Every structure is written in C-alpha cells, then in structure tokens.
C-alpha cells in the first residue's frame, strides 16, 4: 500500500506543483482508501460458527446496478474470508485477500481500530482501509474499500 499511496501523492503533488502539507496527504489517503462505499456497501453481516471450524457469513449488501439490498451467504476459514467470498459472489468477480494488517488507533478497550486490506484480481493488487470501533467491521470496511477501488 505504501508504494501505491506514494504514487498517488506524487501525482497530486506534481499536478499542484507544490509540496503537500501533512493534512493534505491525510485527505488524499481518506479519499483514496478509507471506508469507501461507492459501488459496494455492506449494510450488515452475521456469522455462524460451523462444527468443522469454518464460518458462514450472511452479508447484506447494496451493489451498484442491482435495484435492491440482497443477502449473500458464503463459508470461509474466518469471518473476513467468508465475507470476501460472499462479496465475490455478489459482484460476480473472484479476488483473493493477499495482505491484511490491523492496529488500534488509541490505547484502551474502547479504541477505534484501523485495518488495511490488499486484494488481488486479474494480476493487480487493490488497496483499502477501514476504521471502526469493532475490528471485524473495520476489516470489512477495508476490504469493501479495496473492492470499490478494484471496480473503478
């Protein structure tokens, strides 16, 4: 993500013919990666732990071009993989999560979390970031942001 973001910032800086201030760089990060819900938006997700240690995700999502909110179901080895498979079915495009990182933004149990997700599709990597007080929700937001960047 760092390399990709570096190119994004350089393009903006070159176009503006100036060095960017930290707040401007942060705004570019938010616009490019953070909690993007343009073509795909997850309304809610519920999970069922299966006896074979897999997770079934029921993902309710709005998908551009579909005139209603639909719930998609898929299984995975964890919550994020199950949601990824459900959304892949929803957009009718196969992708893989190739990188995932998370951390708290503050100290304490009530801290917001941030997650970073990279997905691969057709030989390219797409990036997203998500923030929320629930790390699973932040992770889904990050993946949805990556999917929306893929669908641009």
Protein backbone atom coordinates (compact mmCIF):
# COMPACT_ATOMS: atom_id res chain seq x y z
CA UNK A 1 0.00 0.00 0.00
CA UNK A 2 2.86 2.39 0.79
CA UNK A 3 4.22 2.23 -2.75
CA UNK A 4 0.79 2.72 -4.31
CA UNK A 5 0.00 5.61 -1.98
CA UNK A 6 3.36 7.19 -2.75
CA UNK A 7 2.48 7.27 -6.45
CA UNK A 8 -0.97 8.72 -5.68
CA UNK A 9 0.51 11.51 -3.54
CA UNK A 10 3.26 12.23 -6.09
CA UNK A 11 0.67 12.59 -8.85
CA UNK A 12 -1.33 15.10 -6.80
CA UNK A 13 1.81 16.99 -5.78
CA UNK A 14 3.12 17.11 -9.34
CA UNK A 15 -0.24 18.30 -10.66
CA UNK A 16 -0.43 21.04 -7.99
CA UNK A 17 3.26 21.96 -8.50
CA UNK A 18 3.84 22.09 -4.74
CA UNK A 19 4.89 20.11 -1.71
CA UNK A 20 1.84 18.85 0.15
CA UNK A 21 1.17 19.56 3.80
CA UNK A 22 0.51 16.59 6.16
CA UNK A 23 -3.23 17.34 6.35
CA UNK A 24 -3.43 17.33 2.54
CA UNK A 25 -1.68 13.94 2.42
CA UNK A 26 -4.13 12.58 5.01
CA UNK A 27 -7.09 13.88 2.98
CA UNK A 28 -5.73 12.10 -0.11
CA UNK A 29 -5.41 8.89 1.94
CA UNK A 30 -9.01 9.18 3.14
CA UNK A 31 -10.37 9.86 -0.35
CA UNK A 32 -8.34 7.05 -1.92
CA UNK A 33 -8.66 4.24 0.63
CA UNK A 34 -10.77 4.88 3.73
CA UNK A 35 -14.30 3.46 4.21
CA UNK A 36 -15.19 3.75 0.51
CA UNK A 37 -18.76 2.63 -0.23
CA UNK A 38 -19.31 3.75 -3.84
CA UNK A 39 -20.29 0.57 -5.74
CA UNK A 40 -20.39 -1.97 -2.91
CA UNK A 41 -21.67 -1.24 0.58
CA UNK A 42 -22.11 -3.83 3.32
CA UNK A 43 -25.22 -2.99 5.33
CA UNK A 44 -24.73 -5.75 7.90
CA UNK A 45 -23.06 -9.11 8.38
CA UNK A 46 -23.89 -12.03 10.66
CA UNK A 47 -21.84 -15.14 11.32
CA UNK A 48 -22.42 -18.75 12.30
CA UNK A 49 -19.58 -20.90 13.63
CA UNK A 50 -19.83 -24.32 11.98
CA UNK A 51 -18.86 -27.63 13.68
CA UNK A 52 -15.94 -28.06 11.23
CA UNK A 53 -14.41 -24.74 12.42
CA UNK A 54 -15.50 -22.80 9.34
CA UNK A 55 -17.58 -19.63 9.49
CA UNK A 56 -20.72 -19.00 7.48
CA UNK A 57 -21.27 -15.30 6.74
CA UNK A 58 -24.63 -13.80 5.85
CA UNK A 59 -23.76 -10.47 4.24
CA UNK A 60 -26.44 -7.94 3.40
CA UNK A 61 -25.10 -5.56 0.78
CA UNK A 62 -26.01 -2.84 -1.67
CA UNK A 63 -24.40 -3.46 -5.05
CA UNK A 64 -24.43 -0.80 -7.79
CA UNK A 65 -26.62 -1.88 -10.67
CA UNK A 66 -28.84 -4.07 -8.51
CA UNK A 67 -32.07 -2.38 -7.53
CA UNK A 68 -32.34 -3.86 -4.03
CA UNK A 69 -30.38 -4.84 -0.98
CA UNK A 70 -29.56 -8.56 -1.08
CA UNK A 71 -28.18 -11.00 1.49
CA UNK A 72 -25.34 -13.21 0.26
CA UNK A 73 -24.08 -16.33 2.02
CA UNK A 74 -20.63 -17.95 1.91
CA UNK A 75 -18.31 -20.08 4.03
CA UNK A 76 -14.70 -19.35 4.93
CA UNK A 77 -11.96 -20.25 7.36
CA UNK A 78 -12.66 -16.98 9.20
CA UNK A 79 -15.08 -14.07 9.17
CA UNK A 80 -13.17 -11.93 6.69
CA UNK A 81 -12.66 -14.77 4.21
CA UNK A 82 -16.36 -15.70 4.42
CA UNK A 83 -17.38 -12.09 3.77
CA UNK A 84 -14.87 -11.89 0.89
CA UNK A 85 -16.39 -14.97 -0.74
CA UNK A 86 -19.93 -13.63 -0.27
CA UNK A 87 -18.99 -10.29 -1.84
CA UNK A 88 -17.14 -12.04 -4.66
CA UNK A 89 -20.41 -13.84 -5.42
CA UNK A 90 -22.30 -10.55 -5.18
CA UNK A 91 -20.11 -8.73 -7.70
CA UNK A 92 -19.54 -11.88 -9.77
CA UNK A 93 -15.79 -11.42 -9.64
CA UNK A 94 -13.20 -13.62 -7.97
CA UNK A 95 -10.49 -11.99 -5.87
CA UNK A 96 -8.15 -13.05 -3.07
CA UNK A 97 -7.07 -11.27 0.07
CA UNK A 98 -3.28 -11.03 -0.25
CA UNK A 99 -2.45 -8.83 2.72
CA UNK A 100 -4.16 -7.81 5.92
CA UNK A 101 -3.00 -5.67 8.83
CA UNK A 102 -4.76 -4.04 11.75
CA UNK A 103 -3.99 -1.95 14.82
CA UNK A 104 -5.67 0.21 17.44
CA UNK A 105 -5.70 3.95 16.89
CA UNK A 106 -5.57 4.73 20.61
CA UNK A 107 -4.98 2.96 23.89
CA UNK A 108 -7.81 1.29 25.77
CA UNK A 109 -10.57 -1.19 25.07
CA UNK A 110 -12.85 1.46 23.56
CA UNK A 111 -10.31 2.49 20.96
CA UNK A 112 -11.16 2.64 17.30
CA UNK A 113 -9.25 0.24 15.10
CA UNK A 114 -7.89 0.57 11.59
CA UNK A 115 -7.47 -2.28 9.14
CA UNK A 116 -5.63 -2.37 5.81
CA UNK A 117 -6.52 -4.92 3.13
CA UNK A 118 -4.95 -5.70 -0.21
CA UNK A 119 -6.87 -7.86 -2.68
CA UNK A 120 -5.61 -9.40 -5.91
CA UNK A 121 -7.66 -9.78 -9.06
CA UNK A 122 -6.51 -10.35 -12.64
CA UNK A 123 -2.85 -9.86 -11.71
CA UNK A 124 -3.34 -6.49 -9.98
CA UNK A 125 -3.46 -5.54 -6.30
CA UNK A 126 -6.06 -3.12 -4.96
CA UNK A 127 -5.94 -1.46 -1.55
CA UNK A 128 -8.41 -0.35 1.07
CA UNK A 129 -8.50 0.83 4.66
CA UNK A 130 -11.30 0.84 7.20
CA UNK A 131 -11.87 2.28 10.64
CA UNK A 132 -14.44 1.36 13.26
CA UNK A 133 -14.57 0.56 16.98
CA UNK A 134 -15.14 -3.12 16.07
CA UNK A 135 -12.06 -4.63 14.36
CA UNK A 136 -14.18 -7.05 12.30
CA UNK A 137 -16.25 -4.13 10.96
CA UNK A 138 -13.07 -2.13 10.29
CA UNK A 139 -11.69 -5.14 8.37
CA UNK A 140 -14.85 -5.44 6.28
CA UNK A 141 -14.76 -1.70 5.55
CA UNK A 142 -11.14 -2.05 4.42
CA UNK A 143 -11.98 -4.97 2.14
CA UNK A 144 -15.02 -3.15 0.72
CA UNK A 145 -12.81 -0.11 0.06
CA UNK A 146 -10.34 -2.35 -1.83
CA UNK A 147 -13.23 -3.88 -3.81
CA UNK A 148 -14.54 -0.43 -4.69
CA UNK A 149 -11.06 0.60 -5.83
CA UNK A 150 -10.97 -2.54 -7.98
CA UNK A 151 -14.34 -1.71 -9.54
CA UNK A 152 -13.42 1.90 -10.50
